[in-house]
Amino acid sequence: MIARILRSYRERMNISQERLAHRAGVDRTYVGKVERATLNPTIFRINRLLGAMGIPWREFAEVLDRELAAANENRAAGRARRPPVRKAP
């Protein structure tokens, strides 16, 4: 989820992973790994990436909160729609 949000911000700003990495003081491959969710960034690194894009923490937190709420609602709705599992006699 964090990966998707960060990538979305970067793409909306129309900047490359390389440019973001340079601005944030991290390696380009680091940005790619974060965006593919193959690496979990620390809060410190998230802060650097957000700062490099000029995104306030509050905005990021609000977007993350909405995404988490939507994911939880979808999960709950999926459980509600499933038919009950019948045990074999």
Protein backbone atom coordinates (compact mmCIF):
# COMPACT_ATOMS: atom_id res chain seq x y z
CA MET A 1 0.00 0.00 0.00
CA ILE A 2 2.81 2.41 0.89
CA ALA A 3 4.55 1.41 -2.32
CA ARG A 4 1.47 2.17 -4.41
CA ILE A 5 0.95 5.56 -2.77
CA LEU A 6 4.57 6.65 -3.19
CA ARG A 7 4.62 5.54 -6.82
CA SER A 8 1.35 7.36 -7.48
CA TYR A 9 2.75 10.60 -6.08
CA ARG A 10 5.94 10.27 -8.13
CA GLU A 11 4.07 9.54 -11.35
CA ARG A 12 1.64 12.42 -10.81
CA MET A 13 4.62 14.72 -10.38
CA ASN A 14 6.05 13.27 -13.59
CA ILE A 15 9.50 12.62 -12.16
CA SER A 16 11.67 9.58 -12.75
CA GLN A 17 12.80 7.17 -10.06
CA GLU A 18 16.33 8.40 -10.71
CA ARG A 19 15.39 12.05 -10.13
CA LEU A 20 13.45 11.22 -6.97
CA ALA A 21 16.35 9.14 -5.69
CA HIS A 22 18.77 11.99 -6.34
CA ARG A 23 16.52 14.49 -4.55
CA ALA A 24 16.05 12.13 -1.59
CA GLY A 25 19.70 11.13 -1.39
CA VAL A 26 19.06 7.43 -2.00
CA ASP A 27 19.99 5.04 -4.77
CA ARG A 28 17.65 4.70 -7.78
CA THR A 29 17.38 0.97 -7.17
CA TYR A 30 16.13 1.72 -3.66
CA VAL A 31 13.20 3.72 -5.05
CA GLY A 32 12.38 0.90 -7.48
CA LYS A 33 12.43 -1.71 -4.72
CA VAL A 34 10.20 0.43 -2.51
CA GLU A 35 7.72 0.98 -5.35
CA ARG A 36 7.61 -2.75 -6.14
CA ALA A 37 7.15 -3.48 -2.43
CA THR A 38 10.18 -5.78 -2.39
CA LEU A 39 11.76 -3.62 0.30
CA ASN A 40 10.07 -2.12 3.35
CA PRO A 41 11.28 1.45 3.84
CA THR A 42 11.93 2.86 7.27
CA ILE A 43 9.98 5.87 8.45
CA PHE A 44 13.17 7.87 8.02
CA ARG A 45 13.39 6.88 4.34
CA ILE A 46 9.68 7.47 3.73
CA ASN A 47 10.20 10.93 5.19
CA ARG A 48 13.11 11.56 2.81
CA LEU A 49 11.09 10.44 -0.21
CA LEU A 50 8.07 12.52 0.79
CA GLY A 51 10.28 15.53 1.45
CA ALA A 52 11.92 15.17 -1.95
CA MET A 53 8.47 15.34 -3.53
CA GLY A 54 7.21 18.13 -1.26
CA ILE A 55 4.47 15.93 0.20
CA PRO A 56 3.54 16.72 3.83
CA TRP A 57 3.34 13.77 6.23
CA ARG A 58 -0.21 14.70 7.13
CA GLU A 59 -1.35 14.33 3.51
CA PHE A 60 0.44 10.99 3.15
CA ALA A 61 -1.07 9.74 6.41
CA GLU A 62 -4.58 10.74 5.31
CA VAL A 63 -4.20 8.93 1.98
CA LEU A 64 -2.79 5.86 3.74
CA ASP A 65 -5.65 5.91 6.24
CA ARG A 66 -8.25 6.03 3.42
CA GLU A 67 -6.51 3.17 1.59
CA LEU A 68 -6.42 1.04 4.74
CA ALA A 69 -10.10 1.74 5.47
CA ALA A 70 -11.07 0.79 1.91
CA ALA A 71 -9.01 -2.40 2.07
CA ASN A 72 -10.63 -3.36 5.38
CA GLU A 73 -14.11 -2.69 3.97
CA ASN A 74 -13.37 -4.81 0.91
CA ARG A 75 -12.08 -7.63 3.09
CA ALA A 76 -15.17 -7.46 5.32
CA ALA A 77 -17.50 -7.36 2.32
CA GLY A 78 -15.76 -10.38 0.82
CA ARG A 79 -16.29 -12.36 4.03
CA ALA A 80 -19.95 -11.33 4.14
CA ARG A 81 -20.62 -12.54 0.57
CA ARG A 82 -18.99 -15.95 0.89
CA PRO A 83 -21.37 -18.82 1.40
CA PRO A 84 -20.86 -20.81 4.56
CA VAL A 85 -18.48 -23.73 4.29
CA ARG A 86 -20.22 -27.03 4.88
CA LYS A 87 -18.36 -29.76 6.65
CA ALA A 88 -18.42 -33.19 5.11
CA PRO A 89 -20.57 -35.69 7.01
